[in-house]
Structure formats: structure tokens, C-alpha cells
Protein backbone atom coordinates (compact mmCIF):
# COMPACT_ATOMS: atom_id res chain seq x y z
CA UNK A 1 -22.79 20.36 15.63
CA UNK A 2 -21.17 21.91 18.68
CA UNK A 3 -17.64 20.80 19.63
CA UNK A 4 -15.86 22.07 22.74
CA UNK A 5 -12.05 22.26 22.93
CA UNK A 6 -9.94 22.58 26.07
CA UNK A 7 -7.78 25.54 25.06
CA UNK A 8 -5.52 25.27 28.11
CA UNK A 9 -4.72 21.54 28.14
CA UNK A 10 -1.54 19.95 26.83
CA UNK A 11 2.15 20.72 26.47
CA UNK A 12 1.56 23.16 23.61
CA UNK A 13 -1.39 25.08 25.07
CA UNK A 14 -2.75 27.56 24.52
CA UNK A 15 -1.20 28.79 21.26
CA UNK A 16 -1.05 25.56 19.25
CA UNK A 17 -4.36 24.27 20.61
CA UNK A 18 -6.20 27.44 19.64
CA UNK A 19 -4.46 27.55 16.25
CA UNK A 20 -5.54 23.98 15.49
CA UNK A 21 -9.10 24.71 16.53
CA UNK A 22 -9.26 27.75 14.28
CA UNK A 23 -7.82 25.75 11.37
CA UNK A 24 -10.46 23.06 11.88
CA UNK A 25 -13.23 25.51 11.05
CA UNK A 26 -12.46 24.88 7.38
CA UNK A 27 -13.82 21.33 7.87
CA UNK A 28 -17.00 22.43 9.60
CA UNK A 29 -20.26 23.74 8.21
CA UNK A 30 -21.80 27.17 8.55
CA UNK A 31 -24.09 25.97 11.34
CA UNK A 32 -21.36 24.22 13.31
CA UNK A 33 -19.71 25.86 16.32
CA UNK A 34 -16.44 25.51 18.22
CA UNK A 35 -16.47 26.36 21.91
CA UNK A 36 -13.02 27.20 23.27
CA UNK A 37 -12.80 26.67 27.03
CA UNK A 38 -10.14 28.52 29.02
CA UNK A 39 -8.93 31.94 30.09
CA UNK A 40 -11.07 34.29 28.01
CA UNK A 41 -8.50 37.06 27.66
CA UNK A 42 -5.81 34.60 26.58
CA UNK A 43 -8.05 32.96 24.00
CA UNK A 44 -9.22 36.32 22.70
CA UNK A 45 -5.65 37.48 22.25
CA UNK A 46 -4.92 34.49 20.02
CA UNK A 47 -8.03 34.54 17.85
CA UNK A 48 -8.09 38.33 17.46
CA UNK A 49 -11.01 40.77 17.36
CA UNK A 50 -12.24 39.57 13.95
CA UNK A 51 -12.71 35.94 14.93
CA UNK A 52 -14.96 33.59 13.01
CA UNK A 53 -18.51 33.97 14.37
CA UNK A 54 -18.69 30.19 14.77
CA UNK A 55 -16.19 30.43 17.65
CA UNK A 56 -17.52 30.83 21.16
CA UNK A 57 -15.52 31.23 24.37
CA UNK A 58 -16.33 29.79 27.79
CA UNK A 59 -14.18 31.41 30.44
CA UNK A 60 -12.27 29.20 32.89
CA UNK A 61 -9.97 30.72 35.49
CA UNK A 62 -8.05 27.56 36.46
CA UNK A 63 -5.84 24.99 34.73
CA UNK A 64 -5.30 21.36 35.69
CA UNK A 65 -1.63 20.66 35.03
CA UNK A 66 -0.21 17.44 33.66
CA UNK A 67 1.40 16.69 37.03
CA UNK A 68 -1.71 17.39 39.12
CA UNK A 69 -3.39 14.53 40.97
CA UNK A 70 -6.44 13.81 38.76
CA UNK A 71 -9.18 13.26 41.33
CA UNK A 72 -7.99 15.98 43.70
CA UNK A 73 -7.60 18.46 40.85
CA UNK A 74 -11.12 17.81 39.58
CA UNK A 75 -12.53 18.31 43.07
CA UNK A 76 -10.49 21.38 43.94
CA UNK A 77 -10.33 23.15 40.57
CA UNK A 78 -13.99 23.38 39.69
CA UNK A 79 -13.35 26.41 37.47
CA UNK A 80 -10.66 24.64 35.44
CA UNK A 81 -10.93 24.25 31.67
CA UNK A 82 -11.25 20.44 31.94
CA UNK A 83 -14.06 20.53 34.50
CA UNK A 84 -15.98 23.24 32.64
CA UNK A 85 -15.44 21.36 29.37
CA UNK A 86 -16.92 18.17 30.81
CA UNK A 87 -19.79 20.06 32.43
CA UNK A 88 -20.73 21.41 29.01
CA UNK A 89 -20.99 17.84 27.79
CA UNK A 90 -22.91 16.76 30.88
CA UNK A 91 -25.45 19.52 30.33
CA UNK A 92 -25.89 18.52 26.69
CA UNK A 93 -24.66 21.93 25.57
CA UNK A 94 -22.10 20.37 23.21
CA UNK A 95 -22.03 17.22 21.10
CA UNK A 96 -18.36 16.37 21.67
CA UNK A 97 -15.37 17.51 23.71
CA UNK A 98 -11.64 17.51 22.96
CA UNK A 99 -8.68 17.85 25.33
CA UNK A 100 -4.93 17.32 25.22
CA UNK A 101 -4.75 17.84 28.97
CA UNK A 102 -4.33 15.55 31.97
CA UNK A 103 -5.77 12.15 30.94
CA UNK A 104 -6.57 11.09 34.48
CA UNK A 105 -8.37 14.35 35.22
CA UNK A 106 -10.39 14.14 32.01
CA UNK A 107 -11.42 10.59 32.85
CA UNK A 108 -12.18 11.44 36.47
CA UNK A 109 -14.30 14.42 35.44
CA UNK A 110 -16.09 12.30 32.87
CA UNK A 111 -16.91 9.59 35.41
CA UNK A 112 -17.92 12.16 38.04
CA UNK A 113 -20.17 14.38 35.94
CA UNK A 114 -21.36 12.19 33.07
CA UNK A 115 -23.29 8.95 33.18
CA UNK A 116 -21.57 5.93 31.66
CA UNK A 117 -23.35 4.14 28.87
CA UNK A 118 -25.63 1.31 30.07
CA UNK A 119 -23.55 -1.81 30.69
CA UNK A 120 -20.25 0.08 31.07
CA UNK A 121 -18.46 0.44 34.41
CA UNK A 122 -15.31 2.31 33.38
CA UNK A 123 -14.46 4.17 30.15
CA UNK A 124 -11.45 3.17 28.07
CA UNK A 125 -9.30 5.02 25.55
CA UNK A 126 -9.20 3.41 22.09
CA UNK A 127 -6.06 4.31 20.14
CA UNK A 128 -5.51 3.58 16.45
CA UNK A 129 -2.28 1.74 15.61
CA UNK A 130 -0.97 0.69 12.16
CA UNK A 131 -0.62 -2.96 11.19
CA UNK A 132 0.98 -4.67 8.21
CA UNK A 133 -2.28 -4.51 6.25
CA UNK A 134 -4.32 -1.78 7.89
CA UNK A 135 -5.10 -0.64 11.41
CA UNK A 136 -6.13 -1.94 14.80
CA UNK A 137 -7.55 -0.40 17.97
CA UNK A 138 -5.76 -0.68 21.30
CA UNK A 139 -8.04 -0.30 24.32
CA UNK A 140 -7.35 0.82 27.04
CA UNK A 141 -4.46 3.23 26.39
CA UNK A 142 -4.37 4.94 29.76
CA UNK A 143 -7.79 5.71 31.18
CA UNK A 144 -8.06 2.88 33.71
CA UNK A 145 -4.72 1.78 35.17
CA UNK A 146 -6.28 -0.50 37.80
CA UNK A 147 -8.66 -2.50 35.67
CA UNK A 148 -10.78 -5.45 36.67
CA UNK A 149 -11.52 -8.45 34.42
CA UNK A 150 -15.02 -7.16 33.68
CA UNK A 151 -13.53 -3.85 32.50
CA UNK A 152 -11.34 -5.62 29.94
CA UNK A 153 -14.34 -7.66 28.82
CA UNK A 154 -16.32 -4.46 28.31
CA UNK A 155 -13.40 -2.86 26.44
CA UNK A 156 -13.50 -5.77 24.04
CA UNK A 157 -17.10 -4.93 23.18
CA UNK A 158 -16.56 -1.15 23.08
CA UNK A 159 -13.53 -1.33 20.80
CA UNK A 160 -15.05 -4.01 18.58
CA UNK A 161 -18.11 -1.87 17.93
CA UNK A 162 -15.96 1.18 17.24
CA UNK A 163 -13.75 -0.88 14.92
CA UNK A 164 -16.79 -2.00 12.94
CA UNK A 165 -17.92 1.53 12.20
CA UNK A 166 -14.47 3.13 11.93
CA UNK A 167 -12.85 0.56 9.65
CA UNK A 168 -16.05 -0.91 8.15
CA UNK A 169 -14.98 -4.31 9.45
CA UNK A 170 -17.62 -6.90 10.28
CA UNK A 171 -16.89 -9.10 13.30
CA UNK A 172 -13.43 -7.66 14.06
CA UNK A 173 -11.01 -10.10 15.66
CA UNK A 174 -10.37 -9.39 19.34
CA UNK A 175 -7.09 -10.33 21.00
CA UNK A 176 -6.16 -10.05 24.69
CA UNK A 177 -2.62 -8.79 25.27
CA UNK A 178 -0.49 -11.15 27.36
CA UNK A 179 3.12 -12.24 27.87
CA UNK A 180 2.45 -15.43 25.92
CA UNK A 181 -0.30 -17.27 24.09
CA UNK A 182 -0.33 -20.34 26.33
CA UNK A 183 -3.29 -20.73 28.69
CA UNK A 184 -1.14 -21.04 31.81
CA UNK A 185 0.61 -17.70 31.23
CA UNK A 186 -0.52 -14.32 32.50
CA UNK A 187 -1.85 -12.61 35.60
CA UNK A 188 -5.18 -13.42 37.26
CA UNK A 189 -6.51 -10.28 35.57
CA UNK A 190 -5.94 -11.50 32.03
CA UNK A 191 -6.91 -15.10 32.81
CA UNK A 192 -10.27 -14.05 34.24
CA UNK A 193 -10.82 -11.56 31.41
CA UNK A 194 -10.08 -14.28 28.87
CA UNK A 195 -12.71 -16.55 30.40
CA UNK A 196 -15.33 -13.79 30.11
CA UNK A 197 -14.45 -13.04 26.48
CA UNK A 198 -14.26 -16.67 25.41
CA UNK A 199 -17.72 -17.34 26.81
CA UNK A 200 -19.32 -14.52 24.79
CA UNK A 201 -20.29 -15.64 21.29
CA UNK A 202 -20.95 -12.03 20.27
CA UNK A 203 -17.19 -11.42 20.32
CA UNK A 204 -14.88 -12.73 17.62
CA UNK A 205 -12.33 -13.55 20.30
CA UNK A 206 -9.07 -15.17 19.11
CA UNK A 207 -7.42 -15.55 22.53
CA UNK A 208 -4.14 -14.20 23.81
CA UNK A 209 -1.75 -12.23 21.64
CA UNK A 210 1.75 -10.96 22.40
CA UNK A 211 3.09 -7.45 21.95
CA UNK A 212 4.83 -8.33 18.69
CA UNK A 213 1.49 -9.45 17.22
CA UNK A 214 -0.06 -5.99 17.46
CA UNK A 215 1.46 -4.84 14.17
CA UNK A 216 1.24 -8.13 12.27
CA UNK A 217 -2.48 -8.05 11.44
CA UNK A 218 -3.26 -10.65 14.10
CA UNK A 219 -6.46 -8.85 15.07
CA UNK A 220 -8.39 -5.60 14.71
CA UNK A 221 -8.87 -5.04 18.45
CA UNK A 222 -6.20 -5.37 21.14
CA UNK A 223 -7.51 -5.35 24.72
CA UNK A 224 -5.39 -4.52 27.75
CA UNK A 225 -5.45 -2.50 30.95
CA UNK A 226 -4.67 1.22 30.87
CA UNK A 227 -1.28 0.87 32.58
CA UNK A 228 0.03 -1.65 30.07
CA UNK A 229 -1.66 0.02 27.12
CA UNK A 230 -0.15 3.40 27.84
CA UNK A 231 3.33 1.90 28.14
CA UNK A 232 2.86 0.07 24.84
CA UNK A 233 1.80 3.32 23.20
CA UNK A 234 4.82 5.24 24.51
CA UNK A 235 7.24 2.47 23.50
CA UNK A 236 5.80 2.48 19.98
CA UNK A 237 6.17 6.25 19.73
CA UNK A 238 9.75 6.22 21.00
CA UNK A 239 10.81 3.26 18.87
CA UNK A 240 9.32 4.66 15.66
CA UNK A 241 11.07 8.00 16.19
CA UNK A 242 14.37 6.29 17.02
CA UNK A 243 14.21 4.02 13.98
CA UNK A 244 13.46 6.94 11.69
CA UNK A 245 16.40 8.91 13.06
CA UNK A 246 18.80 5.98 12.76
CA UNK A 247 17.63 5.17 9.25
CA UNK A 248 18.08 8.77 8.13
CA UNK A 249 21.57 8.94 9.64
CA UNK A 250 22.62 5.66 8.06
CA UNK A 251 21.19 6.59 4.66
CA UNK A 252 22.84 10.03 4.73
CA UNK A 253 26.20 8.48 5.65
CA UNK A 254 25.88 6.00 2.82
CA UNK A 255 24.67 8.46 0.21
CA UNK A 256 22.88 11.82 0.47
CA UNK A 257 21.21 11.04 -2.83
CA UNK A 258 19.83 7.80 -1.42
CA UNK A 259 18.33 9.64 1.54
CA UNK A 260 16.74 12.18 -0.80
CA UNK A 261 15.26 9.41 -2.92
CA UNK A 262 13.88 7.56 0.09
CA UNK A 263 12.43 10.61 1.85
CA UNK A 264 8.92 10.32 0.33
CA UNK A 265 8.75 6.66 1.34
CA UNK A 266 9.95 7.39 4.86
CA UNK A 267 7.42 10.18 5.27
CA UNK A 268 4.62 7.91 4.09
CA UNK A 269 5.57 5.11 6.50
CA UNK A 270 6.16 7.37 9.49
CA UNK A 271 2.88 9.17 8.93
CA UNK A 272 1.16 5.91 9.91
CA UNK A 273 2.89 6.07 13.30
CA UNK A 274 2.31 9.79 13.84
CA UNK A 275 -0.25 10.37 16.59
CA UNK A 276 -1.01 13.82 15.19
CA UNK A 277 -2.33 12.24 12.00
CA UNK A 278 -5.00 10.42 13.99
CA UNK A 279 -5.79 13.55 15.98
CA UNK A 280 -7.01 11.87 19.10
CA UNK A 281 -8.46 8.75 20.65
CA UNK A 282 -12.04 8.22 21.72
CA UNK A 283 -12.75 7.74 25.40
CA UNK A 284 -15.31 5.00 24.93
CA UNK A 285 -18.05 4.18 27.40
CA UNK A 286 -19.38 7.60 28.40
CA UNK A 287 -22.69 9.00 27.20
CA UNK A 288 -20.98 11.88 25.39
CA UNK A 289 -18.27 11.85 22.71
CA UNK A 290 -14.85 12.45 24.28
CA UNK A 291 -11.66 12.78 22.24
CA UNK A 292 -8.35 12.62 24.09
CA UNK A 293 -5.40 14.18 22.25
CA UNK A 294 -1.81 13.25 23.06
CA UNK A 295 -0.34 15.69 25.58
CA UNK A 296 2.37 16.71 23.10
CA UNK A 297 -0.14 17.25 20.31
CA UNK A 298 0.02 20.48 18.35
CA UNK A 299 -2.23 22.33 15.94
CA UNK A 300 -2.42 19.46 13.44
CA UNK A 301 -3.47 17.04 16.19
CA UNK A 302 -6.28 19.33 17.31
CA UNK A 303 -7.44 19.87 13.75
CA UNK A 304 -7.61 16.12 13.18
CA UNK A 305 -9.22 15.59 16.58
CA UNK A 306 -12.10 17.81 15.48
CA UNK A 307 -12.44 15.55 12.45
CA UNK A 308 -12.46 12.47 14.72
CA UNK A 309 -15.09 14.01 17.00
CA UNK A 310 -17.33 14.92 14.10
CA UNK A 311 -16.98 11.42 12.67
CA UNK A 312 -17.88 9.77 15.98
CA UNK A 313 -21.00 11.90 16.29
CA UNK A 314 -22.01 11.32 12.66
CA UNK A 315 -21.48 7.56 13.00
CA UNK A 316 -23.56 7.57 16.20
CA UNK A 317 -20.98 5.40 17.94
CA UNK A 318 -22.58 5.64 21.38
CA UNK A 319 -25.98 4.49 20.17
CA UNK A 320 -24.38 1.52 18.45
CA UNK A 321 -22.57 0.61 21.67
CA UNK A 322 -25.78 0.80 23.71
CA UNK A 323 -27.67 -1.34 21.19
CA UNK A 324 -24.95 -4.01 21.14
CA UNK A 325 -24.51 -4.18 24.90
CA UNK A 326 -28.27 -4.29 25.40
CA UNK A 327 -28.52 -7.24 23.02
CA UNK A 328 -25.63 -9.01 24.74
CA UNK A 329 -27.09 -8.51 28.21
CA UNK A 330 -30.51 -9.76 27.05
CA UNK A 331 -29.09 -13.20 26.20
């Protein structure tokens, strides 16, 4: 297996990104390869002269920053690490790609250079979130901020298929995120998307859900547009960190011994909300495996993202999506 990593993308690039990639080699086989894409001299300085022979470097002289306009950056920075990363995937040179860089640019490059899977108009990011009894997938988490009803309908299928193979869950329940569960509530976008989902018997569609239902085991798949999904994701991250800090402060003020006793429990709970534990999220709907890592992700996130990429390839997620959508369109 050949996995390419954007060495220059993300808040902690290049040092932490390269470190995580090197650490991930312990999970790979002797015939697997990691391709680090970015400034060759910079990468070489971090991996050293005695680098693992499974590491390859693809030189890229430009970087797309987090504040760059995605489409313009992809068009103007053709020698950037993101563009060269995606071109490797487009050429079939690698089996999967990983980046913690500009989400919009990664999506734009993917749409520009790589064919979408049959039956898919726009890719969506599927993020794993913890629930009271397990996990659910939120899709889209930021790829498509101006979605159409048909995009949300397709996300329902994409995430449901991924949920089946990732969590070994037959017929995962699909909920559409809304400001209420009543039929009259919501924007035209969600109302039209609901009609499409409800009419498709291949989906185990349960209707509208509210934000508070995401973590209550209401469903295994939560569908929304990328603008809303990304805000939900950031609120969850901020709230979980705030609650942990407040709990620690309160426990320490009450009794240092109590805080010490509770520390293992707190670590276990917070690990379920830690984006670095999940490594990255799949950008579903493109004909190559794309893993998007949180922009603030460090070495551990990259290491786990390699694990996610390998899993997606081994599970043949894209083939399963094509088969399901083909069957649905044939009806």
C-alpha cells in the first residue's frame, strides 16, 4: 500500500506532521510506502540521512495556507503540496492521501483533478463523534458549505455505507439535523432533503433530529450541510475542552486527592472527544481515499490518520459505495 502525506499542511507542519508519519511506519508492512509531499530539503532535515527506506519524498515548492482562498490557491499554486498530493492520487500512484491543510483547497483539488464516484455530485467529510452507547458519523463536516438537497441525500447514503463497514452496523439509522423534529420546521434545504431521504427505502431514515440528539444514540448517521456540520464540530471541541477544564478546577478545589482519583476516568471519557484519537475523517465521494486531519492535529493525529487510511483501503469503502449507489439508481 502506498499512502501520501501532505508534510506542509496544518498548524503544526512540518515537524509534527513528519514525526507522525515516521511513527506510523510501525503499523505498516515491509512492502508499504509513505510518500511525504512538500519541500524536499525541509523534509530531509527532519527525517535525517538514515531514513526508513519505505519513505519517499515528492518535492513541492509551494504551500497553500489555511487562510488562502481554496479555488484560487489550487489554480495558482500548482506546485503546492496539496495539489501535488492530489495529483498523485489522480494518477493512481498512491492508494490514499492524508492532509491537515486547508480543507477547502483539498476538496477543490479533489473535485478538479479526481473523478467523483458514480452517483456522487459533491464529496462530504464524515467525522466520527461519540454517543452514549457508541459512535455516530456526522456528514458533512466542512467540505460543502453551500449544499443542495441532493447533496444531503447523497451524504446519507455515503455515510450510511461507511458506518456499516466501520462500525459493523447493519442498516444504520440516518437522521437529518434540523432546529426541530416537527415537519413544518427547517429551511427549504432540509425540507427538500428530507423528502428525498424519506422516499428511499434503501435508507433507514428516522427523520429530523436536533443537535442535542447527536450524542444520545438517536442514530448512527447525522446528515447536514458543511457549514452547519463544521460549526457543530467546533462547538463540540470547545465545549468538551471547557468542561474538562472546569471539572478539573472544581475537583482540585474540593480535594486534590479526588482529582487524582478521577484522572483515569476523565482521561478515558475525554479520549472519546479527542479528534487526534480518530486521526482524520474520510472525504467520501471521490474515487480515491482521502483522509482530512484537523488543522490543529499533531503527530498522534497523523499516525492515526494513516491507520484510518489503511482501514478504508482494506475495507474497500469506495467499491461498496459504488455498488450501493448503482443498486439504488437501478430501482
